Amino acid sequence: MRVLILLLLAACALAGLQTWRIGGLHDEAEQAQRIIGTLSAGIESRDNAINRLSDEALRRERQEQSLRTQLSQAGQLARDREIHIQRLLNENQEMRDWYAAPLPDGISRMHARPAFASAADYLHWLPGGNQLPDTGKLTGH
């Protein structure tokens, strides 16, 4: 009978130990599920960011292509205009004389400015008394 009680106590202890281990495994499984949920949310967020960046890159690529096309068209217009001006100069002596004449002093000053190393240099130069004359007032020239 003692042996039977000892076996019964040992079986109860073993059952208790197994129940405790199962509870620990259940807690570990819940913790693993939480980690999986967190990682899944991170992966989904990363995938959304990748998709958004991919869409943005595609949009910018299309804009760049559009700008390149516009630049090409503007270059062609400039070449056509230059050819037209050259044709007019070749055909008309009066036009050649006008084209070769020096610009008026005020206009020449508009085109004359020092070379700037940076935008800060330009901003420093700008308010330094190098303003254009008021065209509405008569000057002493």
Protein backbone atom coordinates (compact mmCIF):
# COMPACT_ATOMS: atom_id res chain seq x y z
CA MET A 1 0.00 0.00 0.00
CA ARG A 2 2.85 2.36 0.74
CA VAL A 3 4.28 1.63 -2.65
CA LEU A 4 0.95 2.41 -4.24
CA ILE A 5 0.73 5.72 -2.38
CA LEU A 6 4.29 6.57 -3.35
CA LEU A 7 3.53 5.72 -6.96
CA LEU A 8 0.36 7.81 -6.78
CA LEU A 9 2.27 10.75 -5.27
CA ALA A 10 5.00 10.37 -7.89
CA ALA A 11 2.37 10.32 -10.64
CA CYS A 12 0.71 13.45 -9.17
CA ALA A 13 4.11 15.17 -8.94
CA LEU A 14 4.87 14.19 -12.52
CA ALA A 15 1.46 15.45 -13.65
CA GLY A 16 2.03 18.72 -11.79
CA LEU A 17 5.46 19.08 -13.34
CA GLN A 18 4.05 18.45 -16.81
CA THR A 19 1.23 20.94 -16.19
CA TRP A 20 3.77 23.55 -15.10
CA ARG A 21 5.92 22.88 -18.21
CA ILE A 22 2.86 23.07 -20.47
CA GLY A 23 1.92 26.42 -18.89
CA GLY A 24 5.47 27.70 -19.52
CA LEU A 25 5.32 26.50 -23.11
CA HIS A 26 1.93 28.17 -23.53
CA ASP A 27 3.41 31.49 -22.29
CA GLU A 28 6.36 31.10 -24.67
CA ALA A 29 3.97 30.40 -27.54
CA GLU A 30 1.97 33.58 -26.72
CA GLN A 31 5.19 35.60 -26.57
CA ALA A 32 6.29 34.12 -29.91
CA GLN A 33 2.90 35.05 -31.41
CA ARG A 34 3.32 38.64 -30.18
CA ILE A 35 6.82 38.79 -31.69
CA ILE A 36 5.50 37.36 -34.97
CA GLY A 37 2.73 39.99 -34.98
CA THR A 38 5.24 42.78 -34.39
CA LEU A 39 7.56 41.48 -37.09
CA SER A 40 4.65 41.05 -39.52
CA ALA A 41 3.59 44.66 -38.93
CA GLY A 42 7.19 45.78 -39.52
CA ILE A 43 7.39 43.79 -42.74
CA GLU A 44 4.07 45.20 -43.93
CA SER A 45 5.24 48.73 -43.12
CA ARG A 46 8.50 48.11 -44.99
CA ASP A 47 6.61 46.72 -47.99
CA ASN A 48 4.33 49.77 -48.02
CA ALA A 49 7.37 52.07 -47.91
CA ILE A 50 9.02 50.14 -50.75
CA ASN A 51 5.85 50.37 -52.85
CA ARG A 52 5.50 54.08 -52.13
CA LEU A 53 9.16 54.74 -53.01
CA SER A 54 8.84 52.66 -56.16
CA ASP A 55 5.78 54.64 -57.25
CA GLU A 56 7.60 57.90 -56.48
CA ALA A 57 10.63 56.79 -58.50
CA LEU A 58 8.40 55.88 -61.45
CA ARG A 59 6.61 59.25 -61.23
CA ARG A 60 9.93 61.12 -61.13
CA GLU A 61 11.23 59.09 -64.04
CA ARG A 62 8.18 60.09 -66.07
CA GLN A 63 8.64 63.74 -65.07
CA GLU A 64 12.30 63.57 -66.03
CA GLN A 65 11.40 62.13 -69.42
CA SER A 66 8.83 64.89 -69.91
CA LEU A 67 11.40 67.55 -68.98
CA ARG A 68 13.94 66.00 -71.33
CA THR A 69 11.38 66.13 -74.14
CA GLN A 70 10.58 69.77 -73.34
CA LEU A 71 14.31 70.59 -73.23
CA SER A 72 14.81 68.94 -76.59
CA GLN A 73 11.90 70.90 -78.06
CA ALA A 74 13.21 74.15 -76.57
CA GLY A 75 16.65 73.43 -78.01
CA GLN A 76 15.15 72.82 -81.43
CA LEU A 77 13.17 76.07 -81.21
CA ALA A 78 16.34 77.96 -80.23
CA ARG A 79 18.23 76.43 -83.17
CA ASP A 80 15.38 77.32 -85.54
CA ARG A 81 15.28 80.87 -84.18
CA GLU A 82 19.06 81.22 -84.55
CA ILE A 83 18.88 79.96 -88.15
CA HIS A 84 16.07 82.43 -88.86
CA ILE A 85 18.07 85.32 -87.36
CA GLN A 86 21.14 84.33 -89.33
CA ARG A 87 19.08 84.17 -92.52
CA LEU A 88 17.68 87.65 -91.85
CA LEU A 89 21.17 88.99 -91.17
CA ASN A 90 22.48 87.50 -94.38
CA GLU A 91 19.61 88.97 -96.42
CA ASN A 92 19.37 92.49 -94.97
CA GLN A 93 22.18 95.05 -94.60
CA GLU A 94 20.08 97.25 -92.30
CA MET A 95 19.53 94.28 -89.98
CA ARG A 96 23.28 93.50 -89.97
CA ASP A 97 24.05 97.10 -89.01
CA TRP A 98 21.51 97.05 -86.18
CA TYR A 99 22.80 93.67 -84.96
CA ALA A 100 26.43 94.86 -84.95
CA ALA A 101 25.69 98.15 -83.15
CA PRO A 102 26.73 98.36 -79.48
CA LEU A 103 24.03 98.23 -76.83
CA PRO A 104 23.02 101.41 -74.97
CA ASP A 105 24.97 102.11 -71.78
CA GLY A 106 22.12 101.18 -69.38
CA ILE A 107 21.58 97.85 -71.09
CA SER A 108 25.32 97.12 -71.12
CA ARG A 109 25.42 97.74 -67.35
CA MET A 110 22.56 95.27 -66.91
CA HIS A 111 24.68 92.60 -68.56
CA ALA A 112 27.85 93.49 -66.64
CA ARG A 113 28.27 91.83 -63.27
CA PRO A 114 31.10 90.06 -61.52
CA ALA A 115 31.44 86.29 -61.44
CA PHE A 116 29.98 84.83 -58.27
CA ALA A 117 31.37 81.81 -56.46
CA SER A 118 28.18 81.21 -54.51
CA ALA A 119 24.64 82.40 -54.00
CA ALA A 120 25.77 84.18 -50.84
CA ASP A 121 28.23 86.25 -52.89
CA TYR A 122 25.40 87.27 -55.22
CA LEU A 123 23.12 88.20 -52.32
CA HIS A 124 25.94 90.26 -50.80
CA TRP A 125 26.55 92.05 -54.12
CA LEU A 126 22.87 92.70 -54.84
CA PRO A 127 22.05 95.38 -52.24
CA GLY A 128 25.49 96.97 -52.62
CA GLY A 129 24.35 99.95 -54.65
CA ASN A 130 24.33 98.09 -57.95
CA GLN A 131 20.69 98.76 -58.58
CA LEU A 132 19.30 99.40 -62.03
CA PRO A 133 18.26 102.96 -62.86
CA ASP A 134 14.59 103.86 -62.70
CA THR A 135 13.49 103.94 -66.35
CA GLY A 136 10.59 106.22 -65.50
CA LYS A 137 12.92 109.11 -64.55
CA LEU A 138 15.16 111.05 -66.85
CA THR A 139 18.85 110.70 -66.12
CA GLY A 140 21.66 113.09 -66.91
CA HIS A 141 23.04 110.83 -69.67
